[in-house]
Every structure is written in structure tokens, then in C-alpha cells.
């Protein structure tokens, strides 16, 4: 995983809980490094250890931690030098979804060892869509749900997301059904709850 993800986790914890909490989380995760180089590659195990330590610190399940971070990630990445790439995808939620793979292709130019996920969008006649999420990494579907809500928020839209297939021995990817809503949904957990 690229350091930017771990650095995003660090920034989120510092912003919401302060440096003592971050120190404690790193100790629980068994990490000596307290900061990460954004453009460097790190073992995925580090990210999973951080999530586990945050679960211990907050008392939240990993699915909630990942979902909350996924939503935060959109804002964090948008404020970085990759923000312009995100905005190139379009203004609407659906345009942004359809542009995720192109955005990752552009990022690969500066981060050649990145192993980004891949997304396919199938629009339905009723305005909903099916999102196919392919990744070499396991267990990150809750983060994708948070990312989807973050993208929708950035586009001024609200959505409902249901995971309809889980990556397993029977399926090579996760599948989500997404409906765009007229009214905002109350989030299951907020960033302030982590």
C-alpha cells in the first residue's frame, strides 16, 4: 500500500484525537514509524495493523473504521496534489465513479508500483447503478462504501449503497448496488465517532 493511505490514517487520527492517541495506536499496532512517506510503498500488513489498533482504541468494528476512513479519504485525497485528478473525472457522482480507473491510470505515472483497485459501473434504467470492485486486497469493501458516500457528498448528492456480492472463492470481486436519493441519509457512524 502506498504511504499516502497510511499517512491519511495518521492525519485522521491526529485531527480527531491528537498525537497521544496516534502514539498509542502505533504502539498497539507494533509500529515504530509514526509518519509515512506518501510516495513510498509499504507492506499492506501495516495498514491492516493500523485498522486493528484503531478498532481497539475506539471500540468500533473494522467495518465501521474502514467505512469512516473511506469517506474521509475522499476529502483527504482531494486536498492533496491528486485532487485535480479527482476533479477531472466530472462533477456528478456517476461521472466520478466512471472516472476512477482513468484517475488511477494517471496516478500510476507518478506511483508506478501502485496496485490500484479497478471499478466498473453499469447504469440501470431506473437511475441506480451496479459497481463492480476488483482488488488484490481483501476486506476493504467497507472502505469502498465510505468512499462512495464521500464521493456522493463531494458531488452534492446522497446515496444508498448495498453490497450484493462479496469477494470469495465463488466470486472474484465485490459488487455494490447504488441508488441516488432525493434526501440525505443519516450516516451509520460519523467521523467524530472514531
N, C-alpha and C. Protein backbone atom coordinates (compact mmCIF):
# COMPACT_ATOMS: atom_id res chain seq x y z
N UNK A 1 0.86 -1.17 0.00
CA UNK A 1 0.00 0.00 0.00
C UNK A 1 0.91 1.23 0.00
N UNK A 2 0.51 2.23 -0.75
CA UNK A 2 1.31 3.45 -0.76
C UNK A 2 1.14 4.21 0.55
N UNK A 3 2.21 4.88 0.93
CA UNK A 3 2.25 5.60 2.19
C UNK A 3 1.18 6.64 2.35
N UNK A 4 0.66 7.14 1.25
CA UNK A 4 -0.37 8.17 1.32
C UNK A 4 -1.60 7.65 2.08
N UNK A 5 -1.92 6.38 1.94
CA UNK A 5 -3.06 5.81 2.66
C UNK A 5 -2.77 5.81 4.16
N UNK A 6 -1.60 5.30 4.54
CA UNK A 6 -1.24 5.28 5.96
C UNK A 6 -1.10 6.68 6.53
N UNK A 7 -0.59 7.59 5.72
CA UNK A 7 -0.47 8.99 6.16
C UNK A 7 -1.86 9.60 6.33
N UNK A 8 -2.80 9.21 5.48
CA UNK A 8 -4.18 9.66 5.63
C UNK A 8 -4.79 9.17 6.94
N UNK A 9 -4.50 7.92 7.29
CA UNK A 9 -4.98 7.38 8.57
C UNK A 9 -4.37 8.18 9.71
N UNK A 10 -3.07 8.45 9.63
CA UNK A 10 -2.38 9.23 10.67
C UNK A 10 -3.01 10.61 10.83
N UNK A 11 -3.23 11.28 9.70
CA UNK A 11 -3.81 12.62 9.73
C UNK A 11 -5.21 12.60 10.34
N UNK A 12 -5.99 11.59 9.96
CA UNK A 12 -7.34 11.48 10.50
C UNK A 12 -7.32 11.35 12.02
N UNK A 13 -6.45 10.47 12.54
CA UNK A 13 -6.37 10.27 13.98
C UNK A 13 -5.84 11.52 14.67
N UNK A 14 -4.81 12.15 14.11
CA UNK A 14 -4.29 13.38 14.72
C UNK A 14 -5.35 14.47 14.77
N UNK A 15 -6.09 14.63 13.68
CA UNK A 15 -7.13 15.67 13.62
C UNK A 15 -8.27 15.42 14.60
N UNK A 16 -8.58 14.14 14.83
CA UNK A 16 -9.75 13.81 15.65
C UNK A 16 -9.42 13.43 17.10
N UNK A 17 -8.16 13.00 17.35
CA UNK A 17 -7.83 12.52 18.69
C UNK A 17 -6.52 13.04 19.24
N UNK A 18 -5.67 13.59 18.39
CA UNK A 18 -4.43 14.16 18.88
C UNK A 18 -3.24 13.21 18.83
N UNK A 19 -2.04 13.76 19.10
CA UNK A 19 -0.80 12.99 18.96
C UNK A 19 -0.67 11.84 19.97
N UNK A 20 -1.22 11.99 21.18
CA UNK A 20 -1.12 10.90 22.15
C UNK A 20 -1.88 9.67 21.66
N UNK A 21 -3.04 9.89 21.06
CA UNK A 21 -3.83 8.78 20.53
C UNK A 21 -3.08 8.09 19.39
N UNK A 22 -2.46 8.88 18.51
CA UNK A 22 -1.71 8.30 17.41
C UNK A 22 -0.54 7.48 17.93
N UNK A 23 0.17 7.99 18.92
CA UNK A 23 1.28 7.26 19.54
C UNK A 23 0.78 5.92 20.09
N UNK A 24 -0.34 5.95 20.79
CA UNK A 24 -0.90 4.74 21.39
C UNK A 24 -1.31 3.73 20.31
N UNK A 25 -1.91 4.21 19.24
CA UNK A 25 -2.33 3.34 18.14
C UNK A 25 -1.11 2.68 17.49
N UNK A 26 -0.07 3.45 17.27
CA UNK A 26 1.15 2.89 16.67
C UNK A 26 1.77 1.84 17.58
N UNK A 27 1.78 2.09 18.89
CA UNK A 27 2.31 1.11 19.83
C UNK A 27 1.49 -0.17 19.79
N UNK A 28 0.17 -0.04 19.78
CA UNK A 28 -0.70 -1.21 19.72
C UNK A 28 -0.47 -1.99 18.43
N UNK A 29 -0.24 -1.26 17.34
CA UNK A 29 0.00 -1.90 16.03
C UNK A 29 1.41 -2.46 15.92
N UNK A 30 2.26 -2.16 16.89
CA UNK A 30 3.64 -2.64 16.85
C UNK A 30 4.49 -1.92 15.82
N UNK A 31 4.19 -0.65 15.61
CA UNK A 31 4.91 0.14 14.60
C UNK A 31 5.84 1.13 15.27
N UNK A 32 7.04 1.20 14.76
CA UNK A 32 7.99 2.20 15.26
C UNK A 32 7.86 3.51 14.50
N UNK A 33 7.45 3.41 13.23
CA UNK A 33 7.30 4.62 12.42
C UNK A 33 6.02 5.33 12.81
N UNK A 34 6.11 6.63 13.04
CA UNK A 34 4.94 7.41 13.39
C UNK A 34 4.47 8.26 12.21
N UNK A 35 5.27 8.31 11.16
CA UNK A 35 4.91 9.04 9.94
C UNK A 35 5.24 8.16 8.75
N UNK A 36 4.61 8.47 7.61
CA UNK A 36 4.81 7.68 6.40
C UNK A 36 5.13 8.59 5.23
N UNK A 37 6.03 8.15 4.38
CA UNK A 37 6.33 8.86 3.14
C UNK A 37 5.20 8.58 2.15
N UNK A 38 4.55 9.62 1.70
CA UNK A 38 3.38 9.46 0.83
C UNK A 38 3.66 8.66 -0.43
N UNK A 39 4.81 8.86 -1.03
CA UNK A 39 5.10 8.24 -2.31
C UNK A 39 5.86 6.92 -2.18
N UNK A 40 6.05 6.45 -0.96
CA UNK A 40 6.74 5.18 -0.75
C UNK A 40 5.72 4.06 -0.60
N UNK A 41 6.17 2.86 -0.92
CA UNK A 41 5.31 1.69 -0.81
C UNK A 41 5.57 1.00 0.53
N UNK A 42 4.49 0.56 1.19
CA UNK A 42 4.57 -0.13 2.47
C UNK A 42 3.82 -1.46 2.36
N UNK A 43 4.21 -2.39 3.18
CA UNK A 43 3.52 -3.66 3.23
C UNK A 43 2.06 -3.43 3.65
N UNK A 44 1.13 -4.11 2.97
CA UNK A 44 -0.29 -3.97 3.31
C UNK A 44 -0.57 -4.32 4.77
N UNK A 45 0.25 -5.20 5.34
CA UNK A 45 0.05 -5.62 6.73
C UNK A 45 0.08 -4.43 7.68
N UNK A 46 0.85 -3.41 7.36
CA UNK A 46 0.93 -2.22 8.21
C UNK A 46 -0.44 -1.54 8.28
N UNK A 47 -1.09 -1.40 7.15
CA UNK A 47 -2.40 -0.75 7.12
C UNK A 47 -3.41 -1.57 7.91
N UNK A 48 -3.39 -2.89 7.72
CA UNK A 48 -4.32 -3.75 8.46
C UNK A 48 -4.04 -3.68 9.97
N UNK A 49 -2.77 -3.60 10.37
CA UNK A 49 -2.43 -3.47 11.79
C UNK A 49 -2.95 -2.15 12.35
N UNK A 50 -2.82 -1.08 11.55
CA UNK A 50 -3.34 0.22 12.00
C UNK A 50 -4.85 0.16 12.20
N UNK A 51 -5.55 -0.46 11.26
CA UNK A 51 -7.01 -0.58 11.40
C UNK A 51 -7.35 -1.36 12.67
N UNK A 52 -6.64 -2.47 12.90
CA UNK A 52 -6.89 -3.25 14.12
C UNK A 52 -6.64 -2.45 15.38
N UNK A 53 -5.58 -1.65 15.38
CA UNK A 53 -5.25 -0.83 16.56
C UNK A 53 -6.30 0.26 16.76
N UNK A 54 -6.80 0.82 15.67
CA UNK A 54 -7.86 1.84 15.79
C UNK A 54 -9.13 1.20 16.32
N UNK A 55 -9.42 -0.02 15.90
CA UNK A 55 -10.58 -0.74 16.45
C UNK A 55 -10.44 -0.90 17.96
N UNK A 56 -9.25 -1.27 18.41
CA UNK A 56 -9.01 -1.42 19.85
C UNK A 56 -9.16 -0.08 20.57
N UNK A 57 -8.66 0.97 19.96
CA UNK A 57 -8.70 2.30 20.57
C UNK A 57 -10.13 2.83 20.66
N UNK A 58 -10.92 2.63 19.60
CA UNK A 58 -12.27 3.21 19.54
C UNK A 58 -13.37 2.27 20.01
N UNK A 59 -13.10 0.97 19.98
CA UNK A 59 -14.15 0.01 20.30
C UNK A 59 -15.09 -0.26 19.13
N UNK A 60 -14.76 0.28 17.96
CA UNK A 60 -15.59 0.08 16.77
C UNK A 60 -15.13 -1.15 16.00
N UNK A 61 -16.06 -1.80 15.29
CA UNK A 61 -15.64 -2.91 14.42
C UNK A 61 -14.86 -2.37 13.21
N UNK A 62 -14.06 -3.23 12.62
CA UNK A 62 -13.24 -2.83 11.46
C UNK A 62 -14.09 -2.29 10.33
N UNK A 63 -15.27 -2.85 10.13
CA UNK A 63 -16.12 -2.37 9.03
C UNK A 63 -16.49 -0.90 9.22
N UNK A 64 -16.76 -0.48 10.45
CA UNK A 64 -17.08 0.93 10.70
C UNK A 64 -15.85 1.81 10.54
N UNK A 65 -14.71 1.36 11.07
CA UNK A 65 -13.47 2.14 10.95
C UNK A 65 -13.14 2.35 9.47
N UNK A 66 -13.21 1.28 8.68
CA UNK A 66 -12.89 1.40 7.25
C UNK A 66 -13.89 2.28 6.52
N UNK A 67 -15.16 2.17 6.84
CA UNK A 67 -16.17 3.00 6.18
C UNK A 67 -15.97 4.48 6.49
N UNK A 68 -15.73 4.78 7.75
CA UNK A 68 -15.50 6.18 8.14
C UNK A 68 -14.25 6.73 7.47
N UNK A 69 -13.18 5.91 7.47
CA UNK A 69 -11.96 6.37 6.82
C UNK A 69 -12.16 6.53 5.32
N UNK A 70 -12.92 5.65 4.70
CA UNK A 70 -13.19 5.76 3.26
C UNK A 70 -13.84 7.09 2.91
N UNK A 71 -14.80 7.49 3.73
CA UNK A 71 -15.46 8.77 3.50
C UNK A 71 -14.47 9.93 3.68
N UNK A 72 -13.65 9.84 4.72
CA UNK A 72 -12.63 10.86 4.98
C UNK A 72 -11.60 10.90 3.87
N UNK A 73 -11.25 9.74 3.32
CA UNK A 73 -10.22 9.63 2.29
C UNK A 73 -10.52 10.53 1.11
N UNK A 74 -11.78 10.65 0.72
CA UNK A 74 -12.15 11.48 -0.43
C UNK A 74 -11.74 12.92 -0.18
N UNK A 75 -12.03 13.41 1.01
CA UNK A 75 -11.65 14.79 1.36
C UNK A 75 -10.13 14.93 1.45
N UNK A 76 -9.48 13.97 2.09
CA UNK A 76 -8.03 14.00 2.26
C UNK A 76 -7.31 13.96 0.92
N UNK A 77 -7.68 13.02 0.06
CA UNK A 77 -7.04 12.92 -1.25
C UNK A 77 -7.37 14.12 -2.11
N UNK A 78 -8.59 14.65 -1.96
CA UNK A 78 -8.99 15.82 -2.73
C UNK A 78 -8.18 17.06 -2.40
N UNK A 79 -7.70 17.12 -1.16
CA UNK A 79 -6.89 18.27 -0.74
C UNK A 79 -5.42 18.09 -1.12
N UNK A 80 -5.05 16.92 -1.58
CA UNK A 80 -3.66 16.65 -1.97
C UNK A 80 -3.44 17.05 -3.42
N UNK A 81 -2.23 16.79 -3.91
CA UNK A 81 -1.94 17.11 -5.31
C UNK A 81 -2.69 16.19 -6.27
N UNK A 82 -3.36 15.16 -5.74
CA UNK A 82 -4.18 14.30 -6.60
C UNK A 82 -5.61 14.83 -6.74
N UNK A 83 -5.91 15.90 -6.02
CA UNK A 83 -7.25 16.47 -6.08
C UNK A 83 -7.66 16.88 -7.48
N UNK A 84 -6.73 17.45 -8.23
CA UNK A 84 -7.07 17.85 -9.60
C UNK A 84 -7.43 16.65 -10.46
N UNK A 85 -6.75 15.53 -10.25
CA UNK A 85 -7.08 14.31 -10.99
C UNK A 85 -8.48 13.82 -10.65
N UNK A 86 -8.85 13.96 -9.39
CA UNK A 86 -10.19 13.55 -8.98
C UNK A 86 -11.25 14.43 -9.65
N UNK A 87 -10.96 15.72 -9.73
CA UNK A 87 -11.94 16.64 -10.30
C UNK A 87 -12.07 16.48 -11.81
N UNK A 88 -11.05 15.95 -12.46
CA UNK A 88 -11.12 15.74 -13.91
C UNK A 88 -12.17 14.70 -14.30
N UNK A 89 -12.53 13.85 -13.36
CA UNK A 89 -13.48 12.77 -13.66
C UNK A 89 -14.87 13.31 -13.95
N UNK A 90 -15.22 14.46 -13.41
CA UNK A 90 -16.54 15.02 -13.66
C UNK A 90 -17.12 15.59 -12.39
N UNK A 91 -18.30 16.18 -12.53
CA UNK A 91 -18.94 16.83 -11.39
C UNK A 91 -19.96 15.95 -10.69
N UNK A 92 -20.63 15.08 -11.43
CA UNK A 92 -21.66 14.26 -10.81
C UNK A 92 -21.04 13.01 -10.19
N UNK A 93 -21.78 12.42 -9.30
CA UNK A 93 -21.33 11.20 -8.63
C UNK A 93 -21.05 10.10 -9.65
N UNK A 94 -21.97 9.89 -10.58
CA UNK A 94 -21.81 8.83 -11.59
C UNK A 94 -20.59 9.11 -12.47
N UNK A 95 -20.37 10.36 -12.87
CA UNK A 95 -19.19 10.69 -13.68
C UNK A 95 -17.91 10.38 -12.92
N UNK A 96 -17.90 10.70 -11.63
CA UNK A 96 -16.72 10.44 -10.82
C UNK A 96 -16.47 8.94 -10.69
N UNK A 97 -17.54 8.17 -10.50
CA UNK A 97 -17.38 6.71 -10.43
C UNK A 97 -16.79 6.16 -11.73
N UNK A 98 -17.33 6.62 -12.83
CA UNK A 98 -16.85 6.13 -14.13
C UNK A 98 -15.40 6.56 -14.40
N UNK A 99 -14.94 7.63 -13.75
CA UNK A 99 -13.60 8.12 -13.98
C UNK A 99 -12.54 7.58 -13.03
N UNK A 100 -12.93 6.70 -12.09
CA UNK A 100 -11.96 6.22 -11.09
C UNK A 100 -10.79 5.47 -11.72
N UNK A 101 -11.07 4.60 -12.68
CA UNK A 101 -9.97 3.85 -13.29
C UNK A 101 -9.04 4.77 -14.07
N UNK A 102 -9.61 5.75 -14.79
CA UNK A 102 -8.76 6.71 -15.51
C UNK A 102 -7.89 7.50 -14.54
N UNK A 103 -8.46 7.88 -13.39
CA UNK A 103 -7.70 8.61 -12.39
C UNK A 103 -6.55 7.75 -11.88
N UNK A 104 -6.82 6.48 -11.59
CA UNK A 104 -5.75 5.59 -11.13
C UNK A 104 -4.68 5.40 -12.19
N UNK A 105 -5.08 5.35 -13.46
CA UNK A 105 -4.09 5.24 -14.54
C UNK A 105 -3.15 6.45 -14.55
N UNK A 106 -3.69 7.64 -14.30
CA UNK A 106 -2.86 8.84 -14.26
C UNK A 106 -1.93 8.83 -13.05
N UNK A 107 -2.45 8.35 -11.92
CA UNK A 107 -1.64 8.28 -10.70
C UNK A 107 -0.48 7.30 -10.88
N UNK A 108 -0.72 6.24 -11.65
CA UNK A 108 0.34 5.25 -11.89
C UNK A 108 1.57 5.87 -12.55
N UNK A 109 1.39 6.99 -13.24
CA UNK A 109 2.53 7.66 -13.87
C UNK A 109 3.53 8.13 -12.82
N UNK A 110 3.04 8.58 -11.67
CA UNK A 110 3.95 9.05 -10.62
C UNK A 110 4.15 8.01 -9.51
N UNK A 111 3.32 7.00 -9.48
CA UNK A 111 3.42 5.95 -8.46
C UNK A 111 3.37 4.59 -9.17
N UNK A 112 4.44 4.23 -9.89
CA UNK A 112 4.40 3.05 -10.76
C UNK A 112 4.20 1.72 -10.06
N UNK A 113 4.49 1.62 -8.78
CA UNK A 113 4.31 0.36 -8.06
C UNK A 113 2.94 0.24 -7.41
N UNK A 114 2.10 1.24 -7.60
CA UNK A 114 0.75 1.23 -7.06
C UNK A 114 -0.02 0.04 -7.62
N UNK A 115 -0.78 -0.62 -6.77
CA UNK A 115 -1.67 -1.69 -7.21
C UNK A 115 -3.09 -1.23 -6.94
N UNK A 116 -3.61 -0.33 -7.79
CA UNK A 116 -4.92 0.24 -7.50
C UNK A 116 -6.04 -0.76 -7.77
N UNK A 117 -7.16 -0.53 -7.14
CA UNK A 117 -8.32 -1.34 -7.46
C UNK A 117 -8.86 -0.93 -8.83
N UNK A 118 -9.81 -1.69 -9.31
CA UNK A 118 -10.47 -1.35 -10.56
C UNK A 118 -11.98 -1.32 -10.32
N UNK A 119 -12.64 -0.41 -11.01
CA UNK A 119 -14.08 -0.23 -10.84
C UNK A 119 -14.77 -0.27 -12.20
N UNK A 120 -15.88 -1.00 -12.28
CA UNK A 120 -16.72 -0.99 -13.46
C UNK A 120 -18.12 -0.56 -13.03
N UNK A 121 -18.72 0.32 -13.80
CA UNK A 121 -20.04 0.85 -13.47
C UNK A 121 -21.03 0.45 -14.54
N UNK A 122 -22.11 -0.18 -14.11
CA UNK A 122 -23.23 -0.50 -15.00
C UNK A 122 -24.42 0.32 -14.56
N UNK A 123 -24.84 1.27 -15.41
CA UNK A 123 -26.01 2.08 -15.08
C UNK A 123 -27.28 1.34 -15.43
N UNK A 124 -28.30 1.50 -14.59
CA UNK A 124 -29.59 0.87 -14.82
C UNK A 124 -30.59 1.93 -15.26
N UNK A 125 -31.65 1.49 -15.87
CA UNK A 125 -32.67 2.42 -16.39
C UNK A 125 -33.35 3.23 -15.29
N UNK A 126 -33.40 2.71 -14.08
CA UNK A 126 -34.07 3.42 -13.00
C UNK A 126 -33.19 4.47 -12.32
N UNK A 127 -32.00 4.71 -12.85
CA UNK A 127 -31.09 5.71 -12.29
C UNK A 127 -30.10 5.14 -11.29
N UNK A 128 -30.31 3.92 -10.87
CA UNK A 128 -29.35 3.28 -9.97
C UNK A 128 -28.20 2.72 -10.79
N UNK A 129 -27.20 2.20 -10.12
CA UNK A 129 -26.09 1.59 -10.84
C UNK A 129 -25.52 0.42 -10.04
N UNK A 130 -24.82 -0.42 -10.74
CA UNK A 130 -24.11 -1.54 -10.14
C UNK A 130 -22.62 -1.24 -10.27
N UNK A 131 -21.91 -1.31 -9.15
CA UNK A 131 -20.47 -1.07 -9.14
C UNK A 131 -19.75 -2.39 -8.88
N UNK A 132 -18.86 -2.75 -9.78
CA UNK A 132 -18.02 -3.92 -9.63
C UNK A 132 -16.66 -3.43 -9.15
N UNK A 133 -16.22 -3.96 -8.01
CA UNK A 133 -14.96 -3.54 -7.37
C UNK A 133 -14.00 -4.72 -7.36
N UNK A 134 -12.88 -4.55 -8.09
CA UNK A 134 -11.85 -5.58 -8.18
C UNK A 134 -10.61 -5.09 -7.44
N UNK A 135 -10.08 -5.95 -6.57
CA UNK A 135 -8.88 -5.58 -5.83
C UNK A 135 -8.11 -6.84 -5.46
N UNK A 136 -6.77 -6.71 -5.41
CA UNK A 136 -5.93 -7.80 -4.92
C UNK A 136 -6.03 -7.91 -3.40
N UNK A 137 -6.53 -6.85 -2.75
CA UNK A 137 -6.58 -6.81 -1.30
C UNK A 137 -7.95 -7.29 -0.81
N UNK A 138 -7.94 -7.99 0.28
CA UNK A 138 -9.18 -8.49 0.87
C UNK A 138 -9.65 -7.60 2.00
N UNK A 139 -10.95 -7.59 2.22
CA UNK A 139 -11.53 -6.95 3.39
C UNK A 139 -11.74 -5.46 3.32
N UNK A 140 -11.57 -4.85 2.15
CA UNK A 140 -11.69 -3.39 2.07
C UNK A 140 -13.03 -2.91 1.52
N UNK A 141 -13.98 -3.81 1.35
CA UNK A 141 -15.30 -3.40 0.85
C UNK A 141 -15.95 -2.31 1.72
N UNK A 142 -15.84 -2.36 3.06
CA UNK A 142 -16.42 -1.27 3.86
C UNK A 142 -15.78 0.09 3.54
N UNK A 143 -14.48 0.09 3.24
CA UNK A 143 -13.83 1.34 2.86
C UNK A 143 -14.41 1.87 1.56
N UNK A 144 -14.71 0.97 0.63
CA UNK A 144 -15.33 1.38 -0.64
C UNK A 144 -16.69 2.02 -0.38
N UNK A 145 -17.45 1.45 0.54
CA UNK A 145 -18.76 2.04 0.86
C UNK A 145 -18.57 3.47 1.38
N UNK A 146 -17.59 3.66 2.26
CA UNK A 146 -17.30 5.02 2.73
C UNK A 146 -16.85 5.94 1.61
N UNK A 147 -15.99 5.42 0.73
CA UNK A 147 -15.54 6.21 -0.43
C UNK A 147 -16.73 6.65 -1.28
N UNK A 148 -17.65 5.75 -1.50
CA UNK A 148 -18.82 6.07 -2.32
C UNK A 148 -19.62 7.19 -1.69
N UNK A 149 -19.83 7.11 -0.38
CA UNK A 149 -20.57 8.18 0.32
C UNK A 149 -19.79 9.50 0.27
N UNK A 150 -18.46 9.42 0.39
CA UNK A 150 -17.64 10.63 0.30
C UNK A 150 -17.70 11.26 -1.08
N UNK A 151 -17.64 10.44 -2.12
CA UNK A 151 -17.76 10.96 -3.50
C UNK A 151 -19.12 11.59 -3.73
N UNK A 152 -20.16 10.94 -3.23
CA UNK A 152 -21.51 11.49 -3.39
C UNK A 152 -21.63 12.83 -2.67
N UNK A 153 -21.08 12.91 -1.46
CA UNK A 153 -21.13 14.17 -0.70
C UNK A 153 -20.41 15.28 -1.47
N UNK A 154 -19.22 14.96 -2.03
CA UNK A 154 -18.48 15.94 -2.81
C UNK A 154 -19.28 16.44 -4.01
N UNK A 155 -20.11 15.56 -4.57
CA UNK A 155 -20.92 15.91 -5.73
C UNK A 155 -22.25 16.54 -5.32
N UNK A 156 -22.49 16.69 -4.02
CA UNK A 156 -23.73 17.28 -3.54
C UNK A 156 -24.91 16.33 -3.66
N UNK A 157 -24.62 15.04 -3.63
CA UNK A 157 -25.68 14.04 -3.77
C UNK A 157 -25.63 13.11 -2.56
N UNK A 158 -26.72 12.41 -2.33
CA UNK A 158 -26.73 11.38 -1.29
C UNK A 158 -27.12 10.06 -1.94
N UNK A 159 -26.61 8.99 -1.37
CA UNK A 159 -26.80 7.67 -1.97
C UNK A 159 -27.15 6.64 -0.91
N UNK A 160 -27.64 5.53 -1.39
CA UNK A 160 -27.83 4.33 -0.59
C UNK A 160 -27.01 3.25 -1.25
N UNK A 161 -26.21 2.54 -0.47
CA UNK A 161 -25.32 1.51 -1.01
C UNK A 161 -25.63 0.18 -0.34
N UNK A 162 -25.81 -0.84 -1.15
CA UNK A 162 -25.98 -2.20 -0.65
C UNK A 162 -24.96 -3.10 -1.33
N UNK A 163 -24.24 -3.85 -0.53
CA UNK A 163 -23.31 -4.81 -1.11
C UNK A 163 -24.10 -6.06 -1.46
N UNK A 164 -24.08 -6.42 -2.74
CA UNK A 164 -24.88 -7.55 -3.21
C UNK A 164 -24.05 -8.78 -3.51
N UNK A 165 -22.73 -8.67 -3.55
CA UNK A 165 -21.85 -9.81 -3.72
C UNK A 165 -20.54 -9.52 -3.00
N UNK A 166 -20.00 -10.54 -2.36
CA UNK A 166 -18.77 -10.42 -1.60
C UNK A 166 -17.69 -11.25 -2.29
N UNK A 167 -16.50 -10.68 -2.41
CA UNK A 167 -15.38 -11.41 -2.98
C UNK A 167 -15.13 -12.67 -2.13
N UNK A 168 -15.05 -13.78 -2.81
CA UNK A 168 -14.89 -15.06 -2.12
C UNK A 168 -14.33 -16.08 -3.10
N UNK A 169 -14.32 -17.33 -2.69
CA UNK A 169 -13.89 -18.38 -3.61
C UNK A 169 -14.85 -18.51 -4.79
N UNK A 170 -16.11 -18.12 -4.57
CA UNK A 170 -17.11 -18.21 -5.63
C UNK A 170 -17.17 -16.96 -6.51
N UNK A 171 -16.67 -15.84 -6.01
CA UNK A 171 -16.73 -14.57 -6.76
C UNK A 171 -15.37 -13.88 -6.69
N UNK A 172 -14.92 -13.37 -7.83
CA UNK A 172 -13.59 -12.74 -7.85
C UNK A 172 -13.61 -11.26 -7.51
N UNK A 173 -14.78 -10.71 -7.18
CA UNK A 173 -14.86 -9.30 -6.84
C UNK A 173 -16.11 -9.01 -6.01
N UNK A 174 -16.14 -7.80 -5.43
CA UNK A 174 -17.29 -7.32 -4.68
C UNK A 174 -18.20 -6.54 -5.64
N UNK A 175 -19.50 -6.60 -5.34
CA UNK A 175 -20.47 -5.87 -6.17
C UNK A 175 -21.38 -5.07 -5.24
N UNK A 176 -21.61 -3.82 -5.63
CA UNK A 176 -22.46 -2.92 -4.86
C UNK A 176 -23.59 -2.39 -5.74
N UNK A 177 -24.76 -2.28 -5.15
CA UNK A 177 -25.87 -1.62 -5.84
C UNK A 177 -26.01 -0.24 -5.20
N UNK A 178 -26.08 0.78 -6.03
CA UNK A 178 -26.09 2.16 -5.54
C UNK A 178 -27.33 2.87 -6.08
N UNK A 179 -28.09 3.47 -5.17
CA UNK A 179 -29.23 4.29 -5.55
C UNK A 179 -28.95 5.73 -5.14
N UNK A 180 -29.22 6.65 -6.05
CA UNK A 180 -29.10 8.07 -5.73
C UNK A 180 -30.43 8.50 -5.13
N UNK A 181 -30.36 9.17 -3.98
CA UNK A 181 -31.55 9.55 -3.23
C UNK A 181 -31.86 11.02 -3.38
N UNK A 182 -33.11 11.35 -3.11
CA UNK A 182 -33.53 12.75 -3.12
C UNK A 182 -33.21 13.43 -1.80
N UNK A 183 -33.18 12.65 -0.73
CA UNK A 183 -32.89 13.21 0.59
C UNK A 183 -31.67 12.53 1.16
N UNK A 184 -30.97 13.25 2.02
CA UNK A 184 -29.73 12.73 2.59
C UNK A 184 -30.02 11.61 3.58
N UNK A 185 -29.18 10.62 3.57
CA UNK A 185 -29.25 9.54 4.55
C UNK A 185 -28.48 9.94 5.79
N UNK A 186 -28.94 9.48 6.93
CA UNK A 186 -28.17 9.66 8.14
C UNK A 186 -27.06 8.62 8.14
N UNK A 187 -25.79 9.04 8.26
CA UNK A 187 -24.70 8.06 8.24
C UNK A 187 -24.77 7.14 9.45
N UNK A 188 -24.32 5.91 9.28
CA UNK A 188 -24.30 4.95 10.36
C UNK A 188 -23.37 5.43 11.48
N UNK A 189 -22.20 5.89 11.09
CA UNK A 189 -21.22 6.44 12.05
C UNK A 189 -20.67 7.72 11.43
N UNK A 190 -20.30 8.64 12.26
CA UNK A 190 -19.70 9.87 11.76
C UNK A 190 -18.22 9.88 12.09
N UNK A 191 -17.49 10.76 11.43
CA UNK A 191 -16.05 10.86 11.66
C UNK A 191 -15.74 11.17 13.11
N UNK A 192 -16.60 11.94 13.76
CA UNK A 192 -16.37 12.32 15.14
C UNK A 192 -16.47 11.13 16.08
N UNK A 193 -17.10 10.02 15.62
CA UNK A 193 -17.26 8.87 16.48
C UNK A 193 -16.02 7.98 16.53
N UNK A 194 -15.06 8.20 15.63
CA UNK A 194 -13.82 7.41 15.70
C UNK A 194 -12.88 8.06 16.67
